[in-house]
């Protein structure tokens, strides 16, 4: 259950960032993006300073990828601690 929810929120943040950095149609709302980051930040670091300084969103997909890789590393290191 936790894994599904954690990776769902990563996918929301990913899609939002892709939409904003490529100019694609915006299907993911800012509210959903911030909710995803809030959930993720309950467990691991989110670079909110970068997100909020760029009018709510990552300035580039590359910067998002750095956070995303840290989130996945955190999950891999802690997954057994989150089984319920």
PDB file of N, CA and C in Angstrom:
ATOM      1  N   UNK A   1       0.821  -1.196   0.000  1.00  0.00           N
ATOM      2  CA  UNK A   1       0.000   0.000   0.000  1.00  0.00           C
ATOM      3  C   UNK A   1       0.866   1.262   0.000  1.00  0.00           C
ATOM      4  N   UNK A   2       1.839   1.317   0.924  1.00  0.00           N
ATOM      5  CA  UNK A   2       2.696   2.502   0.981  1.00  0.00           C
ATOM      6  C   UNK A   2       3.454   2.687  -0.324  1.00  0.00           C
ATOM      7  N   UNK A   3       4.010   1.607  -0.850  1.00  0.00           N
ATOM      8  CA  UNK A   3       4.784   1.686  -2.094  1.00  0.00           C
ATOM      9  C   UNK A   3       3.936   2.277  -3.215  1.00  0.00           C
ATOM     10  N   UNK A   4       2.736   1.782  -3.366  1.00  0.00           N
ATOM     11  CA  UNK A   4       1.848   2.255  -4.427  1.00  0.00           C
ATOM     12  C   UNK A   4       1.574   3.751  -4.291  1.00  0.00           C
ATOM     13  N   UNK A   5       1.292   4.177  -3.064  1.00  0.00           N
ATOM     14  CA  UNK A   5       0.985   5.587  -2.824  1.00  0.00           C
ATOM     15  C   UNK A   5       2.224   6.460  -3.044  1.00  0.00           C
ATOM     16  N   UNK A   6       3.363   6.022  -2.526  1.00  0.00           N
ATOM     17  CA  UNK A   6       4.606   6.778  -2.661  1.00  0.00           C
ATOM     18  C   UNK A   6       4.961   6.987  -4.134  1.00  0.00           C
ATOM     19  N   UNK A   7       4.922   5.918  -4.907  1.00  0.00           N
ATOM     20  CA  UNK A   7       5.276   6.030  -6.322  1.00  0.00           C
ATOM     21  C   UNK A   7       4.198   6.732  -7.141  1.00  0.00           C
ATOM     22  N   UNK A   8       2.950   6.666  -6.702  1.00  0.00           N
ATOM     23  CA  UNK A   8       1.892   7.435  -7.359  1.00  0.00           C
ATOM     24  C   UNK A   8       2.201   8.928  -7.249  1.00  0.00           C
ATOM     25  N   UNK A   9       2.564   9.368  -6.043  1.00  0.00           N
ATOM     26  CA  UNK A   9       2.862  10.785  -5.860  1.00  0.00           C
ATOM     27  C   UNK A   9       4.123  11.205  -6.606  1.00  0.00           C
ATOM     28  N   UNK A  10       5.075  10.329  -6.729  1.00  0.00           N
ATOM     29  CA  UNK A  10       6.246  10.642  -7.559  1.00  0.00           C
ATOM     30  C   UNK A  10       5.806  10.817  -9.011  1.00  0.00           C
ATOM     31  N   UNK A  11       4.917   9.971  -9.483  1.00  0.00           N
ATOM     32  CA  UNK A  11       4.460  10.086 -10.873  1.00  0.00           C
ATOM     33  C   UNK A  11       3.674  11.379 -11.102  1.00  0.00           C
ATOM     34  N   UNK A  12       2.909  11.821 -10.112  1.00  0.00           N
ATOM     35  CA  UNK A  12       2.184  13.096 -10.219  1.00  0.00           C
ATOM     36  C   UNK A  12       3.179  14.243 -10.358  1.00  0.00           C
ATOM     37  N   UNK A  13       4.190  14.263  -9.493  1.00  0.00           N
ATOM     38  CA  UNK A  13       5.210  15.315  -9.549  1.00  0.00           C
ATOM     39  C   UNK A  13       5.971  15.266 -10.867  1.00  0.00           C
ATOM     40  N   UNK A  14       6.246  14.067 -11.344  1.00  0.00           N
ATOM     41  CA  UNK A  14       6.962  13.881 -12.611  1.00  0.00           C
ATOM     42  C   UNK A  14       6.150  14.455 -13.771  1.00  0.00           C
ATOM     43  N   UNK A  15       4.890  14.069 -13.859  1.00  0.00           N
ATOM     44  CA  UNK A  15       4.039  14.537 -14.958  1.00  0.00           C
ATOM     45  C   UNK A  15       3.865  16.060 -14.908  1.00  0.00           C
ATOM     46  N   UNK A  16       3.658  16.598 -13.735  1.00  0.00           N
ATOM     47  CA  UNK A  16       3.520  18.052 -13.584  1.00  0.00           C
ATOM     48  C   UNK A  16       4.776  18.756 -14.083  1.00  0.00           C
ATOM     49  N   UNK A  17       5.939  18.235 -13.686  1.00  0.00           N
ATOM     50  CA  UNK A  17       7.209  18.845 -14.086  1.00  0.00           C
ATOM     51  C   UNK A  17       7.415  18.746 -15.588  1.00  0.00           C
ATOM     52  N   UNK A  18       7.102  17.613 -16.174  1.00  0.00           N
ATOM     53  CA  UNK A  18       7.223  17.460 -17.627  1.00  0.00           C
ATOM     54  C   UNK A  18       6.314  18.461 -18.334  1.00  0.00           C
ATOM     55  N   UNK A  19       5.084  18.577 -17.870  1.00  0.00           N
ATOM     56  CA  UNK A  19       4.148  19.520 -18.490  1.00  0.00           C
ATOM     57  C   UNK A  19       4.662  20.951 -18.424  1.00  0.00           C
ATOM     58  N   UNK A  20       5.224  21.339 -17.308  1.00  0.00           N
ATOM     59  CA  UNK A  20       5.701  22.720 -17.143  1.00  0.00           C
ATOM     60  C   UNK A  20       6.997  22.990 -17.883  1.00  0.00           C
ATOM     61  N   UNK A  21       7.891  22.001 -17.944  1.00  0.00           N
ATOM     62  CA  UNK A  21       9.200  22.242 -18.559  1.00  0.00           C
ATOM     63  C   UNK A  21       9.205  22.031 -20.073  1.00  0.00           C
ATOM     64  N   UNK A  22       8.173  21.355 -20.602  1.00  0.00           N
ATOM     65  CA  UNK A  22       8.141  21.124 -22.052  1.00  0.00           C
ATOM     66  C   UNK A  22       7.082  21.956 -22.754  1.00  0.00           C
ATOM     67  N   UNK A  23       6.236  22.618 -21.969  1.00  0.00           N
ATOM     68  CA  UNK A  23       5.169  23.411 -22.581  1.00  0.00           C
ATOM     69  C   UNK A  23       3.979  22.575 -23.002  1.00  0.00           C
ATOM     70  N   UNK A  24       3.896  21.334 -22.523  1.00  0.00           N
ATOM     71  CA  UNK A  24       2.766  20.460 -22.858  1.00  0.00           C
ATOM     72  C   UNK A  24       1.501  20.988 -22.183  1.00  0.00           C
ATOM     73  N   UNK A  25       0.356  20.467 -22.634  1.00  0.00           N
ATOM     74  CA  UNK A  25      -0.906  20.837 -21.992  1.00  0.00           C
ATOM     75  C   UNK A  25      -0.838  20.501 -20.512  1.00  0.00           C
ATOM     76  N   UNK A  26      -1.350  21.397 -19.694  1.00  0.00           N
ATOM     77  CA  UNK A  26      -1.292  21.233 -18.243  1.00  0.00           C
ATOM     78  C   UNK A  26      -2.512  20.448 -17.761  1.00  0.00           C
ATOM     79  N   UNK A  27      -2.299  19.163 -17.510  1.00  0.00           N
ATOM     80  CA  UNK A  27      -3.386  18.314 -17.017  1.00  0.00           C
ATOM     81  C   UNK A  27      -3.308  18.111 -15.512  1.00  0.00           C
ATOM     82  N   UNK A  28      -2.108  18.186 -14.962  1.00  0.00           N
ATOM     83  CA  UNK A  28      -1.930  18.050 -13.517  1.00  0.00           C
ATOM     84  C   UNK A  28      -2.005  19.450 -12.902  1.00  0.00           C
ATOM     85  N   UNK A  29      -2.880  19.605 -11.964  1.00  0.00           N
ATOM     86  CA  UNK A  29      -3.072  20.901 -11.313  1.00  0.00           C
ATOM     87  C   UNK A  29      -1.979  21.146 -10.274  1.00  0.00           C
ATOM     88  N   UNK A  30      -1.694  22.419 -10.034  1.00  0.00           N
ATOM     89  CA  UNK A  30      -0.690  22.807  -9.043  1.00  0.00           C
ATOM     90  C   UNK A  30      -1.033  22.237  -7.674  1.00  0.00           C
ATOM     91  N   UNK A  31      -2.292  22.226  -7.320  1.00  0.00           N
ATOM     92  CA  UNK A  31      -2.723  21.703  -6.027  1.00  0.00           C
ATOM     93  C   UNK A  31      -2.337  20.225  -5.889  1.00  0.00           C
ATOM     94  N   UNK A  32      -2.523  19.441  -6.938  1.00  0.00           N
ATOM     95  CA  UNK A  32      -2.158  18.020  -6.902  1.00  0.00           C
ATOM     96  C   UNK A  32      -0.646  17.853  -6.809  1.00  0.00           C
ATOM     97  N   UNK A  33       0.094  18.695  -7.492  1.00  0.00           N
ATOM     98  CA  UNK A  33       1.553  18.675  -7.438  1.00  0.00           C
ATOM     99  C   UNK A  33       2.042  18.956  -6.019  1.00  0.00           C
ATOM    100  N   UNK A  34       1.506  20.001  -5.408  1.00  0.00           N
ATOM    101  CA  UNK A  34       1.920  20.357  -4.053  1.00  0.00           C
ATOM    102  C   UNK A  34       1.513  19.286  -3.037  1.00  0.00           C
ATOM    103  N   UNK A  35       0.361  18.667  -3.244  1.00  0.00           N
ATOM    104  CA  UNK A  35      -0.064  17.566  -2.375  1.00  0.00           C
ATOM    105  C   UNK A  35       0.916  16.399  -2.490  1.00  0.00           C
ATOM    106  N   UNK A  36       1.357  16.116  -3.704  1.00  0.00           N
ATOM    107  CA  UNK A  36       2.329  15.041  -3.922  1.00  0.00           C
ATOM    108  C   UNK A  36       3.641  15.348  -3.211  1.00  0.00           C
ATOM    109  N   UNK A  37       4.123  16.563  -3.366  1.00  0.00           N
ATOM    110  CA  UNK A  37       5.379  16.937  -2.710  1.00  0.00           C
ATOM    111  C   UNK A  37       5.236  16.928  -1.191  1.00  0.00           C
ATOM    112  N   UNK A  38       4.088  17.331  -0.689  1.00  0.00           N
ATOM    113  CA  UNK A  38       3.853  17.305   0.757  1.00  0.00           C
ATOM    114  C   UNK A  38       3.916  15.878   1.281  1.00  0.00           C
ATOM    115  N   UNK A  39       3.290  14.951   0.584  1.00  0.00           N
ATOM    116  CA  UNK A  39       3.329  13.551   0.998  1.00  0.00           C
ATOM    117  C   UNK A  39       4.759  13.027   0.985  1.00  0.00           C
ATOM    118  N   UNK A  40       5.465  13.257  -0.104  1.00  0.00           N
ATOM    119  CA  UNK A  40       6.845  12.783  -0.234  1.00  0.00           C
ATOM    120  C   UNK A  40       7.724  13.390   0.861  1.00  0.00           C
ATOM    121  N   UNK A  41       7.509  14.672   1.144  1.00  0.00           N
ATOM    122  CA  UNK A  41       8.345  15.357   2.140  1.00  0.00           C
ATOM    123  C   UNK A  41       8.120  14.839   3.561  1.00  0.00           C
ATOM    124  N   UNK A  42       7.050  14.108   3.787  1.00  0.00           N
ATOM    125  CA  UNK A  42       6.842  13.474   5.085  1.00  0.00           C
ATOM    126  C   UNK A  42       7.876  12.383   5.347  1.00  0.00           C
ATOM    127  N   UNK A  43       8.527  11.919   4.286  1.00  0.00           N
ATOM    128  CA  UNK A  43       9.444  10.788   4.395  1.00  0.00           C
ATOM    129  C   UNK A  43      10.869  11.105   3.953  1.00  0.00           C
ATOM    130  N   UNK A  44      11.030  11.974   3.003  1.00  0.00           N
ATOM    131  CA  UNK A  44      12.353  12.279   2.464  1.00  0.00           C
ATOM    132  C   UNK A  44      12.412  13.728   2.011  1.00  0.00           C
ATOM    133  N   UNK A  45      13.601  14.208   1.738  1.00  0.00           N
ATOM    134  CA  UNK A  45      13.792  15.631   1.403  1.00  0.00           C
ATOM    135  C   UNK A  45      13.224  15.985   0.031  1.00  0.00           C
ATOM    136  N   UNK A  46      12.535  17.101   0.006  1.00  0.00           N
ATOM    137  CA  UNK A  46      12.041  17.698  -1.236  1.00  0.00           C
ATOM    138  C   UNK A  46      12.646  19.097  -1.308  1.00  0.00           C
ATOM    139  N   UNK A  47      13.181  19.463  -2.448  1.00  0.00           N
ATOM    140  CA  UNK A  47      13.809  20.783  -2.623  1.00  0.00           C
ATOM    141  C   UNK A  47      12.744  21.856  -2.824  1.00  0.00           C
ATOM    142  N   UNK A  48      11.972  22.108  -1.767  1.00  0.00           N
ATOM    143  CA  UNK A  48      10.879  23.069  -1.877  1.00  0.00           C
ATOM    144  C   UNK A  48      11.379  24.475  -2.202  1.00  0.00           C
ATOM    145  N   UNK A  49      12.604  24.798  -1.784  1.00  0.00           N
ATOM    146  CA  UNK A  49      13.145  26.120  -2.102  1.00  0.00           C
ATOM    147  C   UNK A  49      13.247  26.303  -3.609  1.00  0.00           C
ATOM    148  N   UNK A  50      13.648  25.272  -4.323  1.00  0.00           N
ATOM    149  CA  UNK A  50      13.739  25.358  -5.786  1.00  0.00           C
ATOM    150  C   UNK A  50      12.357  25.412  -6.418  1.00  0.00           C
ATOM    151  N   UNK A  51      11.437  24.638  -5.877  1.00  0.00           N
ATOM    152  CA  UNK A  51      10.082  24.576  -6.418  1.00  0.00           C
ATOM    153  C   UNK A  51       9.371  25.917  -6.246  1.00  0.00           C
ATOM    154  N   UNK A  52       9.432  26.467  -5.058  1.00  0.00           N
ATOM    155  CA  UNK A  52       8.698  27.704  -4.775  1.00  0.00           C
ATOM    156  C   UNK A  52       9.352  28.930  -5.390  1.00  0.00           C
ATOM    157  N   UNK A  53      10.656  28.888  -5.598  1.00  0.00           N
ATOM    158  CA  UNK A  53      11.333  30.021  -6.231  1.00  0.00           C
ATOM    159  C   UNK A  53      11.088  30.076  -7.739  1.00  0.00           C
ATOM    160  N   UNK A  54      10.519  29.039  -8.274  1.00  0.00           N
ATOM    161  CA  UNK A  54      10.262  29.002  -9.711  1.00  0.00           C
ATOM    162  C   UNK A  54       8.756  29.009  -9.987  1.00  0.00           C
ATOM    163  N   UNK A  55       8.055  29.841  -9.286  1.00  0.00           N
ATOM    164  CA  UNK A  55       6.607  29.972  -9.453  1.00  0.00           C
ATOM    165  C   UNK A  55       5.909  28.619  -9.369  1.00  0.00           C
ATOM    166  N   UNK A  56       6.255  27.858  -8.369  1.00  0.00           N
ATOM    167  CA  UNK A  56       5.678  26.553  -8.069  1.00  0.00           C
ATOM    168  C   UNK A  56       5.928  25.561  -9.205  1.00  0.00           C
ATOM    169  N   UNK A  57       7.082  24.988  -9.156  1.00  0.00           N
ATOM    170  CA  UNK A  57       7.501  23.967 -10.108  1.00  0.00           C
ATOM    171  C   UNK A  57       9.010  23.951 -10.175  1.00  0.00           C
ATOM    172  N   UNK A  58       9.542  22.864 -10.620  1.00  0.00           N
ATOM    173  CA  UNK A  58      10.997  22.769 -10.771  1.00  0.00           C
ATOM    174  C   UNK A  58      11.436  23.602 -11.976  1.00  0.00           C
ATOM    175  N   UNK A  59      12.589  24.282 -11.885  1.00  0.00           N
ATOM    176  CA  UNK A  59      13.059  25.108 -12.998  1.00  0.00           C
ATOM    177  C   UNK A  59      13.444  24.282 -14.229  1.00  0.00           C
ATOM    178  N   UNK A  60      13.803  23.022 -14.017  1.00  0.00           N
ATOM    179  CA  UNK A  60      14.116  22.155 -15.157  1.00  0.00           C
ATOM    180  C   UNK A  60      13.844  20.710 -14.768  1.00  0.00           C
ATOM    181  N   UNK A  61      13.689  19.886 -15.772  1.00  0.00           N
ATOM    182  CA  UNK A  61      13.449  18.473 -15.499  1.00  0.00           C
ATOM    183  C   UNK A  61      14.680  17.833 -14.857  1.00  0.00           C
ATOM    184  N   UNK A  62      15.850  18.305 -15.205  1.00  0.00           N
ATOM    185  CA  UNK A  62      17.084  17.759 -14.643  1.00  0.00           C
ATOM    186  C   UNK A  62      17.143  17.956 -13.127  1.00  0.00           C
ATOM    187  N   UNK A  63      16.717  19.103 -12.668  1.00  0.00           N
ATOM    188  CA  UNK A  63      16.705  19.364 -11.229  1.00  0.00           C
ATOM    189  C   UNK A  63      15.673  18.460 -10.542  1.00  0.00           C
ATOM    190  N   UNK A  64      14.527  18.285 -11.175  1.00  0.00           N
ATOM    191  CA  UNK A  64      13.526  17.356 -10.643  1.00  0.00           C
ATOM    192  C   UNK A  64      14.108  15.948 -10.548  1.00  0.00           C
ATOM    193  N   UNK A  65      14.822  15.516 -11.578  1.00  0.00           N
ATOM    194  CA  UNK A  65      15.409  14.173 -11.601  1.00  0.00           C
ATOM    195  C   UNK A  65      16.356  13.937 -10.423  1.00  0.00           C
ATOM    196  N   UNK A  66      17.060  14.975  -9.992  1.00  0.00           N
ATOM    197  CA  UNK A  66      17.955  14.848  -8.833  1.00  0.00           C
ATOM    198  C   UNK A  66      17.133  14.516  -7.587  1.00  0.00           C
ATOM    199  N   UNK A  67      16.053  15.259  -7.367  1.00  0.00           N
ATOM    200  CA  UNK A  67      15.183  14.959  -6.228  1.00  0.00           C
ATOM    201  C   UNK A  67      14.573  13.571  -6.372  1.00  0.00           C
ATOM    202  N   UNK A  68      14.067  13.269  -7.548  1.00  0.00           N
ATOM    203  CA  UNK A  68      13.419  11.982  -7.785  1.00  0.00           C
ATOM    204  C   UNK A  68      14.360  10.819  -7.479  1.00  0.00           C
ATOM    205  N   UNK A  69      15.603  10.920  -7.895  1.00  0.00           N
ATOM    206  CA  UNK A  69      16.562   9.836  -7.635  1.00  0.00           C
ATOM    207  C   UNK A  69      16.798   9.690  -6.130  1.00  0.00           C
ATOM    208  N   UNK A  70      16.803  10.795  -5.396  1.00  0.00           N
ATOM    209  CA  UNK A  70      16.957  10.735  -3.931  1.00  0.00           C
ATOM    210  C   UNK A  70      15.745  10.081  -3.281  1.00  0.00           C
ATOM    211  N   UNK A  71      14.552  10.373  -3.798  1.00  0.00           N
ATOM    212  CA  UNK A  71      13.339   9.769  -3.248  1.00  0.00           C
ATOM    213  C   UNK A  71      13.355   8.255  -3.443  1.00  0.00           C
ATOM    214  N   UNK A  72      13.760   7.833  -4.619  1.00  0.00           N
ATOM    215  CA  UNK A  72      13.801   6.398  -4.908  1.00  0.00           C
ATOM    216  C   UNK A  72      14.880   5.716  -4.079  1.00  0.00           C
ATOM    217  N   UNK A  73      16.026   6.366  -3.915  1.00  0.00           N
ATOM    218  CA  UNK A  73      17.074   5.810  -3.046  1.00  0.00           C
ATOM    219  C   UNK A  73      16.561   5.704  -1.614  1.00  0.00           C
ATOM    220  N   UNK A  74      15.852   6.726  -1.145  1.00  0.00           N
ATOM    221  CA  UNK A  74      15.283   6.679   0.199  1.00  0.00           C
ATOM    222  C   UNK A  74      14.341   5.485   0.315  1.00  0.00           C
ATOM    223  N   UNK A  75      13.468   5.322  -0.672  1.00  0.00           N
ATOM    224  CA  UNK A  75      12.518   4.210  -0.629  1.00  0.00           C
ATOM    225  C   UNK A  75      13.248   2.875  -0.584  1.00  0.00           C
ATOM    226  N   UNK A  76      14.245   2.708  -1.450  1.00  0.00           N
ATOM    227  CA  UNK A  76      14.991   1.459  -1.475  1.00  0.00           C
ATOM    228  C   UNK A  76      15.671   1.166  -0.135  1.00  0.00           C
ATOM    229  N   UNK A  77      16.115   2.200   0.535  1.00  0.00           N
ATOM    230  CA  UNK A  77      16.794   2.036   1.827  1.00  0.00           C
ATOM    231  C   UNK A  77      15.826   1.789   2.979  1.00  0.00           C
ATOM    232  N   UNK A  78      14.585   2.250   2.831  1.00  0.00           N
ATOM    233  CA  UNK A  78      13.627   2.228   3.950  1.00  0.00           C
ATOM    234  C   UNK A  78      12.362   1.423   3.711  1.00  0.00           C
ATOM    235  N   UNK A  79      12.238   0.758   2.591  1.00  0.00           N
ATOM    236  CA  UNK A  79      10.980   0.115   2.250  1.00  0.00           C
ATOM    237  C   UNK A  79      10.502  -0.884   3.310  1.00  0.00           C
ATOM    238  N   UNK A  80      11.399  -1.594   3.926  1.00  0.00           N
ATOM    239  CA  UNK A  80      10.986  -2.557   4.937  1.00  0.00           C
ATOM    240  C   UNK A  80      10.457  -1.873   6.193  1.00  0.00           C
ATOM    241  N   UNK A  81      10.816  -0.641   6.417  1.00  0.00           N
ATOM    242  CA  UNK A  81      10.344   0.096   7.592  1.00  0.00           C
ATOM    243  C   UNK A  81       8.947   0.660   7.395  1.00  0.00           C
ATOM    244  N   UNK A  82       8.428   0.600   6.167  1.00  0.00           N
ATOM    245  CA  UNK A  82       7.126   1.216   5.875  1.00  0.00           C
ATOM    246  C   UNK A  82       6.046   0.207   5.555  1.00  0.00           C
ATOM    247  N   UNK A  83       6.324  -1.061   5.733  1.00  0.00           N
ATOM    248  CA  UNK A  83       5.322  -2.079   5.451  1.00  0.00           C
ATOM    249  C   UNK A  83       4.310  -2.074   6.586  1.00  0.00           C
ATOM    250  N   UNK A  84       3.045  -2.009   6.200  1.00  0.00           N
ATOM    251  CA  UNK A  84       1.974  -2.001   7.213  1.00  0.00           C
ATOM    252  C   UNK A  84       0.949  -3.055   6.874  1.00  0.00           C
TER     253      UNK A  84
END
